[in-house]
N, C-alpha and C. Protein backbone atom coordinates (compact mmCIF):
# COMPACT_ATOMS: atom_id res chain seq x y z
N MET A 1 0.86 -1.17 0.00
CA MET A 1 0.00 0.00 0.00
C MET A 1 0.90 1.23 0.00
N PHE A 2 0.40 2.35 -0.58
CA PHE A 2 1.16 3.58 -0.64
C PHE A 2 0.37 4.71 -0.01
N CYS A 3 1.10 5.67 0.56
CA CYS A 3 0.48 6.83 1.20
C CYS A 3 -0.25 7.67 0.17
N ASN A 4 -1.45 8.16 0.53
CA ASN A 4 -2.25 9.00 -0.36
C ASN A 4 -1.60 10.35 -0.61
N LYS A 5 -0.77 10.82 0.32
CA LYS A 5 -0.19 12.16 0.23
C LYS A 5 1.22 12.15 -0.35
N CYS A 6 2.14 11.39 0.28
CA CYS A 6 3.55 11.47 -0.12
C CYS A 6 3.99 10.33 -1.03
N GLY A 7 3.20 9.26 -1.14
CA GLY A 7 3.53 8.15 -2.03
C GLY A 7 4.45 7.11 -1.44
N SER A 8 4.81 7.23 -0.16
CA SER A 8 5.70 6.26 0.48
C SER A 8 5.04 4.90 0.60
N LYS A 9 5.83 3.84 0.44
CA LYS A 9 5.31 2.48 0.64
C LYS A 9 5.12 2.28 2.13
N ILE A 10 3.95 1.78 2.51
CA ILE A 10 3.63 1.59 3.92
C ILE A 10 2.94 0.25 4.11
N PRO A 11 3.01 -0.32 5.33
CA PRO A 11 2.33 -1.60 5.59
C PRO A 11 0.81 -1.46 5.38
N ASP A 12 0.19 -2.52 4.88
CA ASP A 12 -1.25 -2.50 4.56
C ASP A 12 -2.14 -2.14 5.75
N GLU A 13 -1.73 -2.49 6.97
CA GLU A 13 -2.58 -2.26 8.14
C GLU A 13 -2.40 -0.86 8.73
N SER A 14 -1.57 -0.01 8.11
CA SER A 14 -1.28 1.33 8.64
C SER A 14 -2.52 2.22 8.65
N VAL A 15 -2.62 3.05 9.69
CA VAL A 15 -3.66 4.05 9.81
C VAL A 15 -3.07 5.43 9.49
N PHE A 16 -1.78 5.61 9.89
CA PHE A 16 -1.06 6.84 9.61
C PHE A 16 0.20 6.51 8.82
N CYS A 17 0.63 7.44 7.96
CA CYS A 17 1.86 7.26 7.20
C CYS A 17 3.06 7.48 8.11
N PRO A 18 4.01 6.54 8.15
CA PRO A 18 5.19 6.72 8.99
C PRO A 18 6.15 7.78 8.45
N ASN A 19 5.98 8.17 7.19
CA ASN A 19 6.87 9.14 6.57
C ASN A 19 6.40 10.58 6.75
N CYS A 20 5.12 10.85 6.46
CA CYS A 20 4.62 12.23 6.52
C CYS A 20 3.58 12.45 7.62
N GLY A 21 3.08 11.37 8.24
CA GLY A 21 2.16 11.49 9.36
C GLY A 21 0.70 11.69 9.02
N VAL A 22 0.36 11.73 7.73
CA VAL A 22 -1.03 11.95 7.34
C VAL A 22 -1.88 10.73 7.69
N LYS A 23 -3.12 10.98 8.11
CA LYS A 23 -4.05 9.88 8.36
C LYS A 23 -4.49 9.33 7.00
N LEU A 24 -4.43 8.03 6.83
CA LEU A 24 -4.73 7.40 5.56
C LEU A 24 -6.23 7.27 5.35
N GLU A 25 -6.64 7.50 4.11
CA GLU A 25 -8.05 7.33 3.74
C GLU A 25 -8.24 5.89 3.32
N ILE A 26 -9.07 5.18 4.05
CA ILE A 26 -9.34 3.78 3.74
C ILE A 26 -10.78 3.68 3.31
N ILE A 27 -10.98 3.12 2.12
CA ILE A 27 -12.33 2.96 1.59
C ILE A 27 -12.78 1.54 1.87
N GLU A 28 -13.76 1.40 2.72
CA GLU A 28 -14.29 0.09 3.06
C GLU A 28 -15.28 -0.34 1.99
N LYS A 29 -15.04 -1.50 1.42
CA LYS A 29 -15.92 -1.98 0.35
C LYS A 29 -17.16 -2.70 0.89
N ASP A 30 -17.02 -3.31 2.04
CA ASP A 30 -18.10 -4.19 2.50
C ASP A 30 -18.95 -3.58 3.62
N THR A 31 -18.81 -2.29 3.89
CA THR A 31 -19.61 -1.72 4.97
C THR A 31 -21.04 -1.52 4.51
N VAL A 32 -21.97 -1.96 5.34
CA VAL A 32 -23.39 -1.80 5.03
C VAL A 32 -23.99 -1.01 6.18
N SER A 33 -24.60 0.11 5.86
CA SER A 33 -25.20 0.93 6.91
C SER A 33 -26.70 0.99 6.69
N ASP A 34 -27.39 1.38 7.76
CA ASP A 34 -28.84 1.55 7.65
C ASP A 34 -29.12 2.71 6.71
N PRO A 35 -30.19 2.60 5.90
CA PRO A 35 -30.51 3.69 4.99
C PRO A 35 -30.94 4.93 5.75
N VAL A 36 -30.51 6.09 5.24
CA VAL A 36 -30.87 7.37 5.85
C VAL A 36 -31.48 8.28 4.79
N CYS A 37 -32.22 9.27 5.24
CA CYS A 37 -32.85 10.23 4.36
C CYS A 37 -31.77 11.04 3.63
N SER A 38 -31.91 11.20 2.33
CA SER A 38 -30.92 11.95 1.55
C SER A 38 -31.01 13.44 1.83
N SER A 39 -32.09 13.89 2.44
CA SER A 39 -32.28 15.31 2.71
C SER A 39 -31.81 15.71 4.11
N CYS A 40 -32.25 14.97 5.15
CA CYS A 40 -31.95 15.39 6.53
C CYS A 40 -31.03 14.43 7.28
N GLY A 41 -30.79 13.22 6.75
CA GLY A 41 -29.91 12.26 7.41
C GLY A 41 -30.57 11.39 8.45
N GLU A 42 -31.87 11.53 8.66
CA GLU A 42 -32.62 10.73 9.64
C GLU A 42 -32.65 9.27 9.17
N LYS A 43 -32.52 8.33 10.14
CA LYS A 43 -32.62 6.91 9.82
C LYS A 43 -34.01 6.62 9.30
N LEU A 44 -34.07 5.89 8.17
CA LEU A 44 -35.36 5.58 7.55
C LEU A 44 -35.96 4.31 8.13
N ILE A 45 -37.27 4.30 8.22
CA ILE A 45 -37.99 3.12 8.70
C ILE A 45 -38.40 2.32 7.47
N PRO A 46 -38.03 1.02 7.44
CA PRO A 46 -38.37 0.20 6.28
C PRO A 46 -39.87 0.25 5.97
N GLY A 47 -40.20 0.40 4.68
CA GLY A 47 -41.59 0.42 4.25
C GLY A 47 -42.19 1.81 4.14
N ASN A 48 -41.65 2.79 4.84
CA ASN A 48 -42.16 4.17 4.75
C ASN A 48 -41.81 4.77 3.39
N LYS A 49 -42.75 5.55 2.83
CA LYS A 49 -42.51 6.20 1.55
C LYS A 49 -41.98 7.62 1.72
N PHE A 50 -42.07 8.15 2.96
CA PHE A 50 -41.60 9.50 3.24
C PHE A 50 -40.82 9.49 4.55
N CYS A 51 -39.87 10.40 4.68
CA CYS A 51 -39.09 10.55 5.90
C CYS A 51 -40.00 11.10 7.00
N ILE A 52 -39.89 10.52 8.23
CA ILE A 52 -40.75 10.97 9.34
C ILE A 52 -40.30 12.30 9.92
N LYS A 53 -39.06 12.74 9.61
CA LYS A 53 -38.55 13.99 10.16
C LYS A 53 -38.79 15.18 9.23
N CYS A 54 -38.51 15.00 7.91
CA CYS A 54 -38.60 16.15 7.01
C CYS A 54 -39.66 15.98 5.92
N GLY A 55 -40.24 14.78 5.78
CA GLY A 55 -41.28 14.56 4.78
C GLY A 55 -40.75 14.32 3.37
N ASN A 56 -39.45 14.21 3.20
CA ASN A 56 -38.84 13.99 1.89
C ASN A 56 -39.20 12.59 1.38
N PRO A 57 -39.54 12.44 0.07
CA PRO A 57 -39.83 11.11 -0.47
C PRO A 57 -38.60 10.21 -0.34
N VAL A 58 -38.84 8.95 -0.02
CA VAL A 58 -37.77 7.98 0.17
C VAL A 58 -37.51 7.29 -1.16
N MET A 59 -36.21 7.20 -1.53
CA MET A 59 -35.85 6.47 -2.75
C MET A 59 -35.99 4.98 -2.49
N SER A 60 -36.27 4.24 -3.55
CA SER A 60 -36.34 2.79 -3.41
C SER A 60 -34.94 2.26 -3.10
N ASN A 61 -34.86 1.06 -2.55
CA ASN A 61 -33.57 0.47 -2.20
C ASN A 61 -32.66 0.36 -3.41
N SER A 62 -33.21 -0.01 -4.57
CA SER A 62 -32.37 -0.18 -5.75
C SER A 62 -31.74 1.16 -6.16
N LYS A 63 -32.50 2.26 -6.05
CA LYS A 63 -31.95 3.58 -6.38
C LYS A 63 -30.89 3.98 -5.36
N GLN A 64 -31.15 3.70 -4.09
CA GLN A 64 -30.17 4.03 -3.05
C GLN A 64 -28.89 3.22 -3.25
N GLU A 65 -29.04 1.93 -3.54
CA GLU A 65 -27.87 1.08 -3.74
C GLU A 65 -27.07 1.55 -4.95
N PHE A 66 -27.78 1.91 -6.04
CA PHE A 66 -27.09 2.40 -7.23
C PHE A 66 -26.32 3.68 -6.91
N LYS A 67 -26.96 4.61 -6.21
CA LYS A 67 -26.33 5.87 -5.85
C LYS A 67 -25.10 5.61 -4.98
N SER A 68 -25.22 4.71 -4.02
CA SER A 68 -24.12 4.37 -3.13
C SER A 68 -22.96 3.73 -3.90
N GLU A 69 -23.27 2.76 -4.78
CA GLU A 69 -22.24 2.09 -5.58
C GLU A 69 -21.56 3.07 -6.52
N PHE A 70 -22.34 3.99 -7.11
CA PHE A 70 -21.77 4.98 -8.01
C PHE A 70 -20.79 5.88 -7.25
N LYS A 71 -21.19 6.34 -6.07
CA LYS A 71 -20.34 7.20 -5.26
C LYS A 71 -19.06 6.46 -4.87
N GLN A 72 -19.20 5.21 -4.48
CA GLN A 72 -18.03 4.40 -4.10
C GLN A 72 -17.11 4.22 -5.31
N GLY A 73 -17.67 3.98 -6.50
CA GLY A 73 -16.87 3.83 -7.71
C GLY A 73 -16.08 5.09 -8.03
N VAL A 74 -16.72 6.24 -7.87
CA VAL A 74 -16.04 7.53 -8.11
C VAL A 74 -14.89 7.70 -7.12
N GLN A 75 -15.12 7.35 -5.85
CA GLN A 75 -14.06 7.45 -4.84
C GLN A 75 -12.87 6.55 -5.20
N LEU A 76 -13.16 5.32 -5.64
CA LEU A 76 -12.08 4.41 -6.01
C LEU A 76 -11.30 4.92 -7.21
N MET A 77 -12.00 5.49 -8.21
CA MET A 77 -11.33 6.05 -9.38
C MET A 77 -10.45 7.23 -8.98
N ASP A 78 -10.95 8.09 -8.11
CA ASP A 78 -10.16 9.23 -7.64
C ASP A 78 -8.91 8.76 -6.92
N GLU A 79 -9.05 7.75 -6.08
CA GLU A 79 -7.92 7.20 -5.33
C GLU A 79 -6.88 6.62 -6.29
N ALA A 80 -7.34 5.85 -7.29
CA ALA A 80 -6.41 5.26 -8.26
C ALA A 80 -5.68 6.34 -9.03
N GLU A 81 -6.39 7.38 -9.44
CA GLU A 81 -5.77 8.48 -10.19
C GLU A 81 -4.73 9.20 -9.32
N ARG A 82 -5.03 9.42 -8.04
CA ARG A 82 -4.08 10.08 -7.13
C ARG A 82 -2.81 9.22 -6.99
N LEU A 83 -2.97 7.93 -6.81
CA LEU A 83 -1.82 7.04 -6.70
C LEU A 83 -1.02 7.00 -7.99
N TYR A 84 -1.72 7.04 -9.12
CA TYR A 84 -1.06 7.04 -10.43
C TYR A 84 -0.19 8.29 -10.59
N GLN A 85 -0.71 9.45 -10.20
CA GLN A 85 0.06 10.70 -10.29
C GLN A 85 1.27 10.66 -9.35
N LEU A 86 1.09 10.08 -8.16
CA LEU A 86 2.21 9.92 -7.24
C LEU A 86 3.29 9.02 -7.84
N ALA A 87 2.85 7.95 -8.52
CA ALA A 87 3.81 7.04 -9.16
C ALA A 87 4.61 7.78 -10.23
N LEU A 88 3.93 8.60 -11.03
CA LEU A 88 4.65 9.36 -12.06
C LEU A 88 5.63 10.35 -11.43
N ASN A 89 5.27 10.93 -10.30
CA ASN A 89 6.20 11.83 -9.60
C ASN A 89 7.44 11.06 -9.14
N LEU A 90 7.26 9.83 -8.69
CA LEU A 90 8.42 9.01 -8.29
C LEU A 90 9.33 8.79 -9.48
N TYR A 91 8.74 8.55 -10.65
CA TYR A 91 9.56 8.37 -11.85
C TYR A 91 10.34 9.65 -12.17
N ARG A 92 9.64 10.78 -12.12
CA ARG A 92 10.29 12.06 -12.43
C ARG A 92 11.43 12.37 -11.46
N GLU A 93 11.33 11.85 -10.24
CA GLU A 93 12.38 12.05 -9.24
C GLU A 93 13.46 10.96 -9.33
N SER A 94 13.40 10.16 -10.39
CA SER A 94 14.37 9.07 -10.62
C SER A 94 14.35 8.01 -9.53
N LYS A 95 13.23 7.83 -8.88
CA LYS A 95 13.06 6.77 -7.88
C LYS A 95 12.41 5.58 -8.58
N LEU A 96 13.21 4.91 -9.43
CA LEU A 96 12.66 3.90 -10.32
C LEU A 96 12.13 2.67 -9.59
N GLU A 97 12.80 2.24 -8.54
CA GLU A 97 12.33 1.06 -7.81
C GLU A 97 10.97 1.35 -7.16
N GLU A 98 10.86 2.54 -6.53
CA GLU A 98 9.58 2.92 -5.92
C GLU A 98 8.48 3.08 -6.97
N PHE A 99 8.87 3.63 -8.14
CA PHE A 99 7.91 3.78 -9.25
C PHE A 99 7.36 2.43 -9.66
N CYS A 100 8.23 1.45 -9.82
CA CYS A 100 7.81 0.11 -10.23
C CYS A 100 6.88 -0.51 -9.20
N LEU A 101 7.21 -0.35 -7.91
CA LEU A 101 6.36 -0.88 -6.84
C LEU A 101 4.99 -0.19 -6.85
N ALA A 102 4.98 1.12 -7.07
CA ALA A 102 3.71 1.85 -7.10
C ALA A 102 2.84 1.40 -8.26
N ILE A 103 3.44 1.23 -9.44
CA ILE A 103 2.68 0.77 -10.61
C ILE A 103 2.13 -0.63 -10.35
N SER A 104 2.94 -1.51 -9.77
CA SER A 104 2.47 -2.87 -9.45
C SER A 104 1.31 -2.83 -8.47
N ASP A 105 1.39 -1.93 -7.48
CA ASP A 105 0.33 -1.78 -6.49
C ASP A 105 -0.97 -1.32 -7.16
N ILE A 106 -0.86 -0.36 -8.08
CA ILE A 106 -2.05 0.14 -8.79
C ILE A 106 -2.67 -0.98 -9.61
N ILE A 107 -1.83 -1.75 -10.30
CA ILE A 107 -2.34 -2.86 -11.13
C ILE A 107 -3.14 -3.84 -10.28
N GLN A 108 -2.63 -4.16 -9.09
CA GLN A 108 -3.32 -5.12 -8.23
C GLN A 108 -4.59 -4.54 -7.62
N ARG A 109 -4.53 -3.28 -7.17
CA ARG A 109 -5.66 -2.69 -6.46
C ARG A 109 -6.74 -2.13 -7.39
N TYR A 110 -6.34 -1.68 -8.57
CA TYR A 110 -7.27 -1.02 -9.48
C TYR A 110 -7.10 -1.58 -10.88
N PRO A 111 -7.65 -2.76 -11.15
CA PRO A 111 -7.44 -3.38 -12.46
C PRO A 111 -7.94 -2.54 -13.64
N ASN A 112 -8.89 -1.62 -13.41
CA ASN A 112 -9.36 -0.78 -14.51
C ASN A 112 -8.31 0.21 -14.98
N HIS A 113 -7.28 0.46 -14.16
CA HIS A 113 -6.21 1.37 -14.54
C HIS A 113 -4.94 0.59 -14.92
N ALA A 114 -5.05 -0.72 -14.99
CA ALA A 114 -3.88 -1.55 -15.23
C ALA A 114 -3.27 -1.30 -16.61
N ALA A 115 -4.08 -1.08 -17.63
CA ALA A 115 -3.55 -0.90 -18.98
C ALA A 115 -2.60 0.28 -19.04
N SER A 116 -3.02 1.42 -18.51
CA SER A 116 -2.15 2.60 -18.52
C SER A 116 -0.89 2.35 -17.69
N ALA A 117 -1.04 1.64 -16.58
CA ALA A 117 0.11 1.34 -15.74
C ALA A 117 1.12 0.47 -16.49
N TYR A 118 0.63 -0.55 -17.21
CA TYR A 118 1.53 -1.39 -18.00
C TYR A 118 2.23 -0.57 -19.08
N ALA A 119 1.49 0.27 -19.77
CA ALA A 119 2.09 1.07 -20.85
C ALA A 119 3.15 2.02 -20.30
N ASP A 120 2.86 2.64 -19.17
CA ASP A 120 3.83 3.57 -18.58
C ASP A 120 5.07 2.81 -18.10
N LYS A 121 4.86 1.62 -17.59
CA LYS A 121 6.00 0.81 -17.17
C LYS A 121 6.86 0.48 -18.39
N ALA A 122 6.22 0.16 -19.52
CA ALA A 122 6.96 -0.12 -20.76
C ALA A 122 7.75 1.10 -21.21
N GLN A 123 7.12 2.25 -21.15
CA GLN A 123 7.75 3.47 -21.64
C GLN A 123 8.88 3.95 -20.72
N PHE A 124 8.66 3.91 -19.41
CA PHE A 124 9.59 4.54 -18.49
C PHE A 124 10.56 3.60 -17.78
N PHE A 125 10.17 2.36 -17.58
CA PHE A 125 10.92 1.52 -16.65
C PHE A 125 11.64 0.33 -17.27
N CYS A 126 11.05 -0.29 -18.25
CA CYS A 126 11.62 -1.53 -18.79
C CYS A 126 13.04 -1.29 -19.33
N LYS A 127 13.91 -2.26 -19.07
CA LYS A 127 15.32 -2.11 -19.43
C LYS A 127 15.65 -2.61 -20.82
N ASN A 128 14.78 -3.43 -21.40
CA ASN A 128 15.09 -3.95 -22.74
C ASN A 128 13.81 -4.03 -23.57
N ASP A 129 14.00 -4.19 -24.87
CA ASP A 129 12.87 -4.18 -25.79
C ASP A 129 11.92 -5.35 -25.58
N LYS A 130 12.44 -6.49 -25.16
CA LYS A 130 11.57 -7.65 -24.92
C LYS A 130 10.56 -7.32 -23.82
N GLU A 131 11.02 -6.72 -22.72
CA GLU A 131 10.12 -6.33 -21.64
C GLU A 131 9.13 -5.27 -22.11
N ARG A 132 9.60 -4.31 -22.91
CA ARG A 132 8.71 -3.26 -23.42
C ARG A 132 7.58 -3.86 -24.26
N ILE A 133 7.94 -4.81 -25.13
CA ILE A 133 6.92 -5.45 -25.97
C ILE A 133 5.89 -6.17 -25.10
N ILE A 134 6.36 -6.88 -24.08
CA ILE A 134 5.45 -7.61 -23.18
C ILE A 134 4.49 -6.63 -22.50
N HIS A 135 5.00 -5.51 -22.01
CA HIS A 135 4.15 -4.55 -21.29
C HIS A 135 3.19 -3.81 -22.22
N TYR A 136 3.66 -3.43 -23.40
CA TYR A 136 2.73 -2.80 -24.35
C TYR A 136 1.64 -3.79 -24.78
N THR A 137 2.02 -5.06 -24.97
CA THR A 137 1.04 -6.09 -25.34
C THR A 137 0.01 -6.27 -24.23
N ALA A 138 0.47 -6.26 -22.97
CA ALA A 138 -0.46 -6.38 -21.84
C ALA A 138 -1.42 -5.19 -21.82
N ALA A 139 -0.90 -3.99 -22.02
CA ALA A 139 -1.76 -2.79 -22.02
C ALA A 139 -2.81 -2.87 -23.12
N ILE A 140 -2.39 -3.24 -24.32
CA ILE A 140 -3.32 -3.33 -25.46
C ILE A 140 -4.37 -4.41 -25.22
N THR A 141 -3.95 -5.54 -24.66
CA THR A 141 -4.87 -6.65 -24.40
C THR A 141 -5.88 -6.30 -23.32
N ILE A 142 -5.42 -5.65 -22.25
CA ILE A 142 -6.30 -5.32 -21.12
C ILE A 142 -7.36 -4.30 -21.52
N ASP A 143 -6.95 -3.27 -22.28
CA ASP A 143 -7.90 -2.20 -22.61
C ASP A 143 -7.72 -1.74 -24.06
N PRO A 144 -8.24 -2.52 -25.03
CA PRO A 144 -8.06 -2.16 -26.44
C PRO A 144 -8.83 -0.91 -26.85
N ASN A 145 -9.71 -0.40 -26.00
CA ASN A 145 -10.47 0.82 -26.31
C ASN A 145 -9.92 2.06 -25.62
N ASN A 146 -8.78 1.93 -24.97
CA ASN A 146 -8.17 3.06 -24.27
C ASN A 146 -7.82 4.16 -25.26
N LYS A 147 -7.96 5.42 -24.84
CA LYS A 147 -7.70 6.53 -25.76
C LYS A 147 -6.22 6.61 -26.15
N ARG A 148 -5.33 5.94 -25.41
CA ARG A 148 -3.90 5.95 -25.71
C ARG A 148 -3.44 4.74 -26.51
N VAL A 149 -4.37 3.86 -26.90
CA VAL A 149 -3.98 2.58 -27.51
C VAL A 149 -3.23 2.77 -28.83
N ILE A 150 -3.53 3.81 -29.58
CA ILE A 150 -2.83 4.04 -30.85
C ILE A 150 -1.34 4.31 -30.60
N SER A 151 -1.05 5.11 -29.58
CA SER A 151 0.37 5.37 -29.27
C SER A 151 1.06 4.10 -28.79
N TRP A 152 0.32 3.21 -28.12
CA TRP A 152 0.91 1.95 -27.67
C TRP A 152 1.24 1.06 -28.87
N TYR A 153 0.32 0.98 -29.84
CA TYR A 153 0.60 0.21 -31.05
C TYR A 153 1.81 0.78 -31.78
N LYS A 154 1.88 2.10 -31.88
CA LYS A 154 2.99 2.73 -32.61
C LYS A 154 4.32 2.47 -31.90
N SER A 155 4.35 2.62 -30.58
CA SER A 155 5.58 2.35 -29.84
C SER A 155 6.02 0.90 -30.00
N ARG A 156 5.04 -0.01 -29.86
CA ARG A 156 5.39 -1.43 -30.00
C ARG A 156 5.85 -1.73 -31.42
N GLY A 157 5.18 -1.14 -32.42
CA GLY A 157 5.58 -1.34 -33.82
C GLY A 157 7.00 -0.87 -34.08
N GLN A 158 7.38 0.27 -33.52
CA GLN A 158 8.74 0.77 -33.69
C GLN A 158 9.76 -0.15 -33.02
N ILE A 159 9.38 -0.71 -31.88
CA ILE A 159 10.28 -1.66 -31.20
C ILE A 159 10.45 -2.92 -32.05
N TYR A 160 9.34 -3.40 -32.61
CA TYR A 160 9.42 -4.57 -33.49
C TYR A 160 10.37 -4.29 -34.65
N LEU A 161 10.28 -3.12 -35.27
CA LEU A 161 11.15 -2.79 -36.40
C LEU A 161 12.61 -2.76 -35.98
N ARG A 162 12.88 -2.19 -34.81
CA ARG A 162 14.25 -2.13 -34.30
C ARG A 162 14.84 -3.53 -34.12
N ASN A 163 13.97 -4.49 -33.88
CA ASN A 163 14.41 -5.86 -33.60
C ASN A 163 14.16 -6.80 -34.78
N ASP A 164 14.04 -6.24 -35.98
CA ASP A 164 13.87 -7.02 -37.22
C ASP A 164 12.66 -7.95 -37.19
N LYS A 165 11.59 -7.49 -36.55
CA LYS A 165 10.32 -8.24 -36.55
C LYS A 165 9.34 -7.46 -37.42
N ASN A 166 9.64 -7.44 -38.71
CA ASN A 166 8.91 -6.61 -39.66
C ASN A 166 7.44 -6.99 -39.77
N LYS A 167 7.13 -8.27 -39.77
CA LYS A 167 5.75 -8.73 -39.91
C LYS A 167 4.89 -8.22 -38.75
N GLU A 168 5.41 -8.34 -37.52
CA GLU A 168 4.67 -7.87 -36.35
C GLU A 168 4.49 -6.35 -36.39
N ALA A 169 5.54 -5.66 -36.84
CA ALA A 169 5.46 -4.19 -36.93
C ALA A 169 4.39 -3.77 -37.93
N VAL A 170 4.38 -4.40 -39.09
CA VAL A 170 3.38 -4.07 -40.11
C VAL A 170 1.97 -4.31 -39.57
N ASN A 171 1.77 -5.40 -38.82
CA ASN A 171 0.46 -5.67 -38.23
C ASN A 171 0.03 -4.55 -37.28
N ASP A 172 0.98 -4.04 -36.47
CA ASP A 172 0.64 -2.95 -35.55
C ASP A 172 0.26 -1.68 -36.32
N PHE A 173 1.00 -1.36 -37.37
CA PHE A 173 0.69 -0.15 -38.14
C PHE A 173 -0.60 -0.30 -38.96
N LYS A 174 -0.93 -1.52 -39.36
CA LYS A 174 -2.23 -1.76 -40.01
C LYS A 174 -3.37 -1.51 -39.01
N LYS A 175 -3.16 -1.96 -37.78
CA LYS A 175 -4.18 -1.77 -36.75
C LYS A 175 -4.40 -0.28 -36.47
N ILE A 176 -3.32 0.49 -36.45
CA ILE A 176 -3.45 1.95 -36.25
C ILE A 176 -4.27 2.55 -37.38
N LEU A 177 -4.00 2.13 -38.62
CA LEU A 177 -4.74 2.65 -39.78
C LEU A 177 -6.22 2.28 -39.70
N GLN A 178 -6.53 1.09 -39.17
CA GLN A 178 -7.93 0.69 -38.98
C GLN A 178 -8.61 1.54 -37.91
N LEU A 179 -7.90 1.78 -36.80
CA LEU A 179 -8.49 2.52 -35.67
C LEU A 179 -8.67 4.00 -35.97
N LYS A 180 -7.70 4.58 -36.65
CA LYS A 180 -7.75 6.02 -36.91
C LYS A 180 -7.14 6.30 -38.28
N PRO A 181 -7.93 6.12 -39.34
CA PRO A 181 -7.40 6.35 -40.68
C PRO A 181 -6.92 7.80 -40.84
N SER A 182 -5.69 7.95 -41.29
CA SER A 182 -5.13 9.27 -41.54
C SER A 182 -3.96 9.12 -42.50
N GLU A 183 -3.53 10.23 -43.05
CA GLU A 183 -2.37 10.21 -43.95
C GLU A 183 -1.11 9.80 -43.19
N GLU A 184 -1.00 10.28 -41.95
CA GLU A 184 0.16 9.91 -41.12
C GLU A 184 0.19 8.41 -40.86
N ALA A 185 -0.96 7.83 -40.53
CA ALA A 185 -1.02 6.38 -40.28
C ALA A 185 -0.69 5.59 -41.55
N ARG A 186 -1.19 6.07 -42.70
CA ARG A 186 -0.89 5.41 -43.97
C ARG A 186 0.61 5.47 -44.26
N GLN A 187 1.22 6.62 -44.03
CA GLN A 187 2.65 6.79 -44.27
C GLN A 187 3.48 5.93 -43.31
N ASP A 188 3.03 5.83 -42.05
CA ASP A 188 3.73 4.97 -41.09
C ASP A 188 3.70 3.51 -41.54
N LEU A 189 2.55 3.08 -42.08
CA LEU A 189 2.44 1.70 -42.57
C LEU A 189 3.39 1.47 -43.74
N ILE A 190 3.45 2.41 -44.66
CA ILE A 190 4.37 2.29 -45.80
C ILE A 190 5.81 2.23 -45.31
N ASN A 191 6.16 3.11 -44.37
CA ASN A 191 7.52 3.11 -43.82
C ASN A 191 7.84 1.79 -43.12
N ALA A 192 6.85 1.23 -42.43
CA ALA A 192 7.07 -0.05 -41.76
C ALA A 192 7.31 -1.15 -42.79
N LYS A 193 6.53 -1.13 -43.86
CA LYS A 193 6.71 -2.15 -44.90
C LYS A 193 8.08 -2.03 -45.57
N LEU A 194 8.55 -0.79 -45.73
CA LEU A 194 9.85 -0.57 -46.38
C LEU A 194 10.98 -0.50 -45.35
N LYS A 195 10.61 -0.63 -44.07
CA LYS A 195 11.55 -0.57 -42.94
C LYS A 195 12.37 0.72 -42.99
N ARG A 196 11.67 1.84 -43.06
CA ARG A 196 12.30 3.16 -43.10
C ARG A 196 12.18 3.88 -41.77
N TRP A 197 12.61 3.32 -40.71
CA TRP A 197 12.52 4.01 -39.41
C TRP A 197 13.90 4.35 -38.92
């Protein structure tokens, strides 16, 4: 687990960060509380259609559950994004080992952000082209609809060309042309076929 504020690696059971002292925000996934009025906060009595304190109409359980799950999802996305930005700061500070640990932590805790984490690991951390290809392939496989997927195909295609894997490179540049037809994509495909990189 990593600190929400400073990004330090900390034990999973920590309540406070040993590095900066901030109280950690822990999002409980399994907490179930009694339903309360969305207007005044009064505990609702099952079966009532209106709050006994303020008279506000009571939402059905399915609407309340949806609203609660949506709010929890937004909190988890915000937390993942904050950790992701902290990880990038570690990279910018040349703390590569901590960066790798942070990216791995994000991948495990927030699988919806795993594709970007794999791609960033390929771009910033991997020491050789074989590792880069593996990480770009993981990113593309996990989230083929990601808005950054074209850049991942292009990066992987260029790595393939550098390593005399022309067939694989051409396939990546064909995929780019399918996803976003443009003159640049067409020219990249021609260059890949002629190995002009």
